[in-house]
Amino acid sequence: MSLFGDGLDTAVQKAFTRPAPKSAGAQMRYLVKQLKGTKPVAQMLRISQRTVERYVKDQIRKPRADLAARLEREVKKRWQPQIRAKARRQAATTGGIVIDARARIGYTAPIGSTDEDRLRHLTVALPPRYAARLFEAQEAGASDQQLREIAAEGLKEVYFQDNGRRAGQLEEVRFTDIEHIEFDL
């Protein structure tokens, strides 16, 4: 699982106007409706088509833990796509994104400065252009490392350089050993 990708998805899910289906039967019926049949759902969840049909008819109510997790993940991935797109668009154009992170953060700077990595807890509001870059990279299938680099670049500009008012010689920000990261729109 991707720490940054999942965090971005969770932030977007906070914008949902209705809760996603909770019961296994309701989740399965939603997926069958979205994918237009029981066969594609069965292939996606790696179960038999007959098992999908039983969940749809509420003949089976409690899925195994691994199936329940896959089912919930697939439903949330498809739930309210227009609301999801609107939240991403708003963050990328006007709102920006807030990063709350506890991680080891350091930077590369000229000799004589204290650039040693240290554990920091930061809550920083990044401008909309960084939200747009994060969401575009996520859509393009970027790795967790690439998303981390975009976030580090945003932290460099907003937190360390204070939007160009200080630390002009700062070259690179290192964002490692992440203990906690959370995004908010």
Foldseek 3Di string as FASTA:
>chain_A
DFQLLVQLLVQLLVQDPDDFDDWQLSLLVVVCVVVVHLVVVCVQLVHDSVVSVCSVVVVDTDDDPVSSVSSVVVRSVPPPPVSSVVVLVCCLPPNAKKKWWFFFKFFDFDPPDPGHTDTDTDIDGFHNNLSNVLVVCVVVVHHSVVSVQSVQVRCCCCPVCVNPVDDPRIDGMDTDDTPDMHMHD
